[in-house]
């Protein structure tokens, strides 16, 4: 049996608003953040995502937004801002798949066509701007969990 050395601990401090902290610390299986523009919803989601993949190495995660421009311009930026430097192993822009150093993968998908969300078995799903996605998209993501 070959044993790999334990990964180095990464100290990574993030500042949160009180509402973001409540969201990140909530252990409920289904969560939603409701706030106004610039209320920190996407950042809170990215922090919650980081918290999950650190706890569960090797997880397959799907992150959605209503359109690919929204993923590129907001969701992906938040993930890159929140995740520690060096924690992201690679990002395939054409496939919209992020590989992490601990073996987890994040699939970034648009909810424009719910049929394109089918297929993978997921550990967790995060629907950024979920209220702007269809109910069918929500049902498909829920069914992948």
C-alpha atoms as a PDB file:
ATOM      1  CA  UNK A   1       0.000   0.000   0.000  1.00  0.00           C
ATOM      2  CA  UNK A   2       1.318   3.408  -0.955  1.00  0.00           C
ATOM      3  CA  UNK A   3       0.348   6.375   1.157  1.00  0.00           C
ATOM      4  CA  UNK A   4       0.402   9.887  -0.137  1.00  0.00           C
ATOM      5  CA  UNK A   5       1.575  12.663   2.127  1.00  0.00           C
ATOM      6  CA  UNK A   6      -1.224  14.609   3.793  1.00  0.00           C
ATOM      7  CA  UNK A   7      -2.034  17.875   2.027  1.00  0.00           C
ATOM      8  CA  UNK A   8      -0.759  21.015   3.675  1.00  0.00           C
ATOM      9  CA  UNK A   9      -3.310  22.976   5.639  1.00  0.00           C
ATOM     10  CA  UNK A  10      -4.182  26.265   4.017  1.00  0.00           C
ATOM     11  CA  UNK A  11      -5.103  29.184   6.223  1.00  0.00           C
ATOM     12  CA  UNK A  12      -7.554  31.327   4.338  1.00  0.00           C
ATOM     13  CA  UNK A  13      -9.476  34.103   6.064  1.00  0.00           C
ATOM     14  CA  UNK A  14     -12.583  35.636   4.540  1.00  0.00           C
ATOM     15  CA  UNK A  15     -14.596  38.568   5.826  1.00  0.00           C
ATOM     16  CA  UNK A  16     -18.359  38.106   5.847  1.00  0.00           C
ATOM     17  CA  UNK A  17     -21.427  40.226   6.487  1.00  0.00           C
ATOM     18  CA  UNK A  18     -23.569  38.887   9.355  1.00  0.00           C
ATOM     19  CA  UNK A  19     -26.185  37.546   6.895  1.00  0.00           C
ATOM     20  CA  UNK A  20     -23.510  35.831   4.821  1.00  0.00           C
ATOM     21  CA  UNK A  21     -22.048  34.242   7.942  1.00  0.00           C
ATOM     22  CA  UNK A  22     -25.479  32.927   8.969  1.00  0.00           C
ATOM     23  CA  UNK A  23     -25.907  31.397   5.502  1.00  0.00           C
ATOM     24  CA  UNK A  24     -22.427  29.845   5.400  1.00  0.00           C
ATOM     25  CA  UNK A  25     -22.813  28.337   8.879  1.00  0.00           C
ATOM     26  CA  UNK A  26     -26.320  26.957   8.263  1.00  0.00           C
ATOM     27  CA  UNK A  27     -26.247  23.172   7.868  1.00  0.00           C
ATOM     28  CA  UNK A  28     -29.691  22.822   6.269  1.00  0.00           C
ATOM     29  CA  UNK A  29     -29.772  20.698   3.088  1.00  0.00           C
ATOM     30  CA  UNK A  30     -31.630  23.425   1.137  1.00  0.00           C
ATOM     31  CA  UNK A  31     -30.724  27.085   1.524  1.00  0.00           C
ATOM     32  CA  UNK A  32     -31.546  30.333  -0.192  1.00  0.00           C
ATOM     33  CA  UNK A  33     -30.166  33.820   0.170  1.00  0.00           C
ATOM     34  CA  UNK A  34     -32.499  36.690  -0.593  1.00  0.00           C
ATOM     35  CA  UNK A  35     -31.152  40.231  -0.647  1.00  0.00           C
ATOM     36  CA  UNK A  36     -30.847  43.264  -2.829  1.00  0.00           C
ATOM     37  CA  UNK A  37     -28.252  44.073  -5.444  1.00  0.00           C
ATOM     38  CA  UNK A  38     -24.707  43.925  -4.022  1.00  0.00           C
ATOM     39  CA  UNK A  39     -25.979  42.072  -0.964  1.00  0.00           C
ATOM     40  CA  UNK A  40     -23.237  39.444  -1.247  1.00  0.00           C
ATOM     41  CA  UNK A  41     -25.367  36.487  -2.369  1.00  0.00           C
ATOM     42  CA  UNK A  42     -22.933  35.141  -4.961  1.00  0.00           C
ATOM     43  CA  UNK A  43     -19.921  35.601  -2.660  1.00  0.00           C
ATOM     44  CA  UNK A  44     -21.755  33.776   0.143  1.00  0.00           C
ATOM     45  CA  UNK A  45     -22.524  30.941  -2.292  1.00  0.00           C
ATOM     46  CA  UNK A  46     -18.868  30.717  -3.318  1.00  0.00           C
ATOM     47  CA  UNK A  47     -17.781  30.578   0.325  1.00  0.00           C
ATOM     48  CA  UNK A  48     -20.359  27.869   1.069  1.00  0.00           C
ATOM     49  CA  UNK A  49     -19.076  25.961  -1.980  1.00  0.00           C
ATOM     50  CA  UNK A  50     -15.472  26.253  -0.758  1.00  0.00           C
ATOM     51  CA  UNK A  51     -16.526  25.052   2.678  1.00  0.00           C
ATOM     52  CA  UNK A  52     -18.192  21.992   1.113  1.00  0.00           C
ATOM     53  CA  UNK A  53     -15.374  20.912  -1.214  1.00  0.00           C
ATOM     54  CA  UNK A  54     -12.779  21.299   1.553  1.00  0.00           C
ATOM     55  CA  UNK A  55     -14.843  19.028   3.794  1.00  0.00           C
ATOM     56  CA  UNK A  56     -15.621  16.481   1.034  1.00  0.00           C
ATOM     57  CA  UNK A  57     -12.572  15.903  -1.220  1.00  0.00           C
ATOM     58  CA  UNK A  58     -13.418  14.284  -4.539  1.00  0.00           C
ATOM     59  CA  UNK A  59     -16.921  15.771  -4.688  1.00  0.00           C
ATOM     60  CA  UNK A  60     -18.592  16.462  -8.017  1.00  0.00           C
ATOM     61  CA  UNK A  61     -20.450  19.769  -7.826  1.00  0.00           C
ATOM     62  CA  UNK A  62     -22.629  21.661 -10.287  1.00  0.00           C
ATOM     63  CA  UNK A  63     -22.876  25.436 -10.183  1.00  0.00           C
ATOM     64  CA  UNK A  64     -25.542  27.031 -12.352  1.00  0.00           C
ATOM     65  CA  UNK A  65     -26.634  30.479 -13.404  1.00  0.00           C
ATOM     66  CA  UNK A  66     -29.346  31.535 -15.861  1.00  0.00           C
ATOM     67  CA  UNK A  67     -26.831  32.287 -18.661  1.00  0.00           C
ATOM     68  CA  UNK A  68     -23.180  31.632 -19.455  1.00  0.00           C
ATOM     69  CA  UNK A  69     -22.383  35.378 -19.360  1.00  0.00           C
ATOM     70  CA  UNK A  70     -23.722  35.455 -15.786  1.00  0.00           C
ATOM     71  CA  UNK A  71     -21.521  32.501 -14.883  1.00  0.00           C
ATOM     72  CA  UNK A  72     -18.480  34.151 -16.459  1.00  0.00           C
ATOM     73  CA  UNK A  73     -19.100  37.674 -15.188  1.00  0.00           C
ATOM     74  CA  UNK A  74     -20.304  36.977 -11.637  1.00  0.00           C
ATOM     75  CA  UNK A  75     -20.321  33.387 -10.380  1.00  0.00           C
ATOM     76  CA  UNK A  76     -16.932  32.289 -11.698  1.00  0.00           C
ATOM     77  CA  UNK A  77     -15.336  35.565 -10.560  1.00  0.00           C
ATOM     78  CA  UNK A  78     -16.686  35.004  -7.034  1.00  0.00           C
ATOM     79  CA  UNK A  79     -15.317  31.460  -6.956  1.00  0.00           C
ATOM     80  CA  UNK A  80     -11.899  32.652  -8.144  1.00  0.00           C
ATOM     81  CA  UNK A  81     -11.901  35.477  -5.575  1.00  0.00           C
ATOM     82  CA  UNK A  82     -12.881  33.230  -2.652  1.00  0.00           C
ATOM     83  CA  UNK A  83     -10.868  30.065  -3.300  1.00  0.00           C
ATOM     84  CA  UNK A  84      -7.294  30.141  -1.935  1.00  0.00           C
ATOM     85  CA  UNK A  85      -4.469  30.657  -4.397  1.00  0.00           C
ATOM     86  CA  UNK A  86      -3.224  27.297  -5.606  1.00  0.00           C
ATOM     87  CA  UNK A  87      -6.390  25.419  -4.575  1.00  0.00           C
ATOM     88  CA  UNK A  88      -7.674  25.382  -8.158  1.00  0.00           C
ATOM     89  CA  UNK A  89      -5.660  22.838 -10.154  1.00  0.00           C
ATOM     90  CA  UNK A  90      -7.088  23.722 -13.561  1.00  0.00           C
ATOM     91  CA  UNK A  91     -10.000  25.282 -15.381  1.00  0.00           C
ATOM     92  CA  UNK A  92     -11.154  24.083 -18.794  1.00  0.00           C
ATOM     93  CA  UNK A  93     -12.927  27.105 -20.250  1.00  0.00           C
ATOM     94  CA  UNK A  94     -14.438  25.276 -23.224  1.00  0.00           C
ATOM     95  CA  UNK A  95     -15.955  22.558 -21.009  1.00  0.00           C
ATOM     96  CA  UNK A  96     -16.536  24.906 -18.034  1.00  0.00           C
ATOM     97  CA  UNK A  97     -15.019  22.399 -15.594  1.00  0.00           C
ATOM     98  CA  UNK A  98     -12.824  23.417 -12.668  1.00  0.00           C
ATOM     99  CA  UNK A  99     -10.589  20.766 -11.094  1.00  0.00           C
ATOM    100  CA  UNK A 100      -9.431  21.295  -7.531  1.00  0.00           C
ATOM    101  CA  UNK A 101      -6.258  20.042  -5.860  1.00  0.00           C
ATOM    102  CA  UNK A 102      -8.237  17.716  -3.564  1.00  0.00           C
ATOM    103  CA  UNK A 103      -9.860  15.826  -6.451  1.00  0.00           C
ATOM    104  CA  UNK A 104     -13.163  17.715  -6.450  1.00  0.00           C
ATOM    105  CA  UNK A 105     -14.593  19.014  -9.713  1.00  0.00           C
ATOM    106  CA  UNK A 106     -16.980  21.870 -10.312  1.00  0.00           C
ATOM    107  CA  UNK A 107     -19.197  21.866 -13.396  1.00  0.00           C
ATOM    108  CA  UNK A 108     -20.387  25.358 -14.376  1.00  0.00           C
ATOM    109  CA  UNK A 109     -23.650  25.171 -16.331  1.00  0.00           C
ATOM    110  CA  UNK A 110     -26.290  27.500 -17.727  1.00  0.00           C
ATOM    111  CA  UNK A 111     -29.932  26.763 -16.926  1.00  0.00           C
ATOM    112  CA  UNK A 112     -31.113  28.071 -20.322  1.00  0.00           C
ATOM    113  CA  UNK A 113     -31.850  24.480 -21.416  1.00  0.00           C
ATOM    114  CA  UNK A 114     -32.664  22.227 -18.428  1.00  0.00           C
ATOM    115  CA  UNK A 115     -31.992  19.116 -20.550  1.00  0.00           C
ATOM    116  CA  UNK A 116     -28.291  20.036 -20.622  1.00  0.00           C
ATOM    117  CA  UNK A 117     -28.157  19.694 -16.821  1.00  0.00           C
ATOM    118  CA  UNK A 118     -28.959  15.977 -16.909  1.00  0.00           C
ATOM    119  CA  UNK A 119     -26.359  13.246 -16.573  1.00  0.00           C
ATOM    120  CA  UNK A 120     -23.941  13.577 -13.689  1.00  0.00           C
ATOM    121  CA  UNK A 121     -24.534  12.324 -10.175  1.00  0.00           C
ATOM    122  CA  UNK A 122     -23.755  15.279  -7.948  1.00  0.00           C
ATOM    123  CA  UNK A 123     -22.721  15.750  -4.343  1.00  0.00           C
ATOM    124  CA  UNK A 124     -24.104  19.298  -4.252  1.00  0.00           C
ATOM    125  CA  UNK A 125     -25.708  21.865  -6.521  1.00  0.00           C
ATOM    126  CA  UNK A 126     -25.592  25.648  -6.255  1.00  0.00           C
ATOM    127  CA  UNK A 127     -27.994  27.680  -8.368  1.00  0.00           C
ATOM    128  CA  UNK A 128     -26.687  31.241  -8.481  1.00  0.00           C
ATOM    129  CA  UNK A 129     -29.548  33.632  -9.300  1.00  0.00           C
ATOM    130  CA  UNK A 130     -31.833  30.611  -8.973  1.00  0.00           C
ATOM    131  CA  UNK A 131     -34.984  32.754  -9.012  1.00  0.00           C
ATOM    132  CA  UNK A 132     -34.138  33.670 -12.612  1.00  0.00           C
ATOM    133  CA  UNK A 133     -33.920  30.008 -13.640  1.00  0.00           C
ATOM    134  CA  UNK A 134     -36.899  27.828 -14.496  1.00  0.00           C
ATOM    135  CA  UNK A 135     -38.581  25.475 -12.066  1.00  0.00           C
ATOM    136  CA  UNK A 136     -37.674  22.663 -14.475  1.00  0.00           C
ATOM    137  CA  UNK A 137     -33.972  23.526 -14.079  1.00  0.00           C
ATOM    138  CA  UNK A 138     -34.351  23.327 -10.305  1.00  0.00           C
ATOM    139  CA  UNK A 139     -36.054  19.933 -10.583  1.00  0.00           C
ATOM    140  CA  UNK A 140     -33.313  18.578 -12.859  1.00  0.00           C
ATOM    141  CA  UNK A 141     -30.514  19.771 -10.542  1.00  0.00           C
ATOM    142  CA  UNK A 142     -32.377  18.364  -7.545  1.00  0.00           C
ATOM    143  CA  UNK A 143     -32.712  15.027  -9.340  1.00  0.00           C
ATOM    144  CA  UNK A 144     -28.931  14.872  -9.902  1.00  0.00           C
ATOM    145  CA  UNK A 145     -28.203  14.936  -6.150  1.00  0.00           C
END
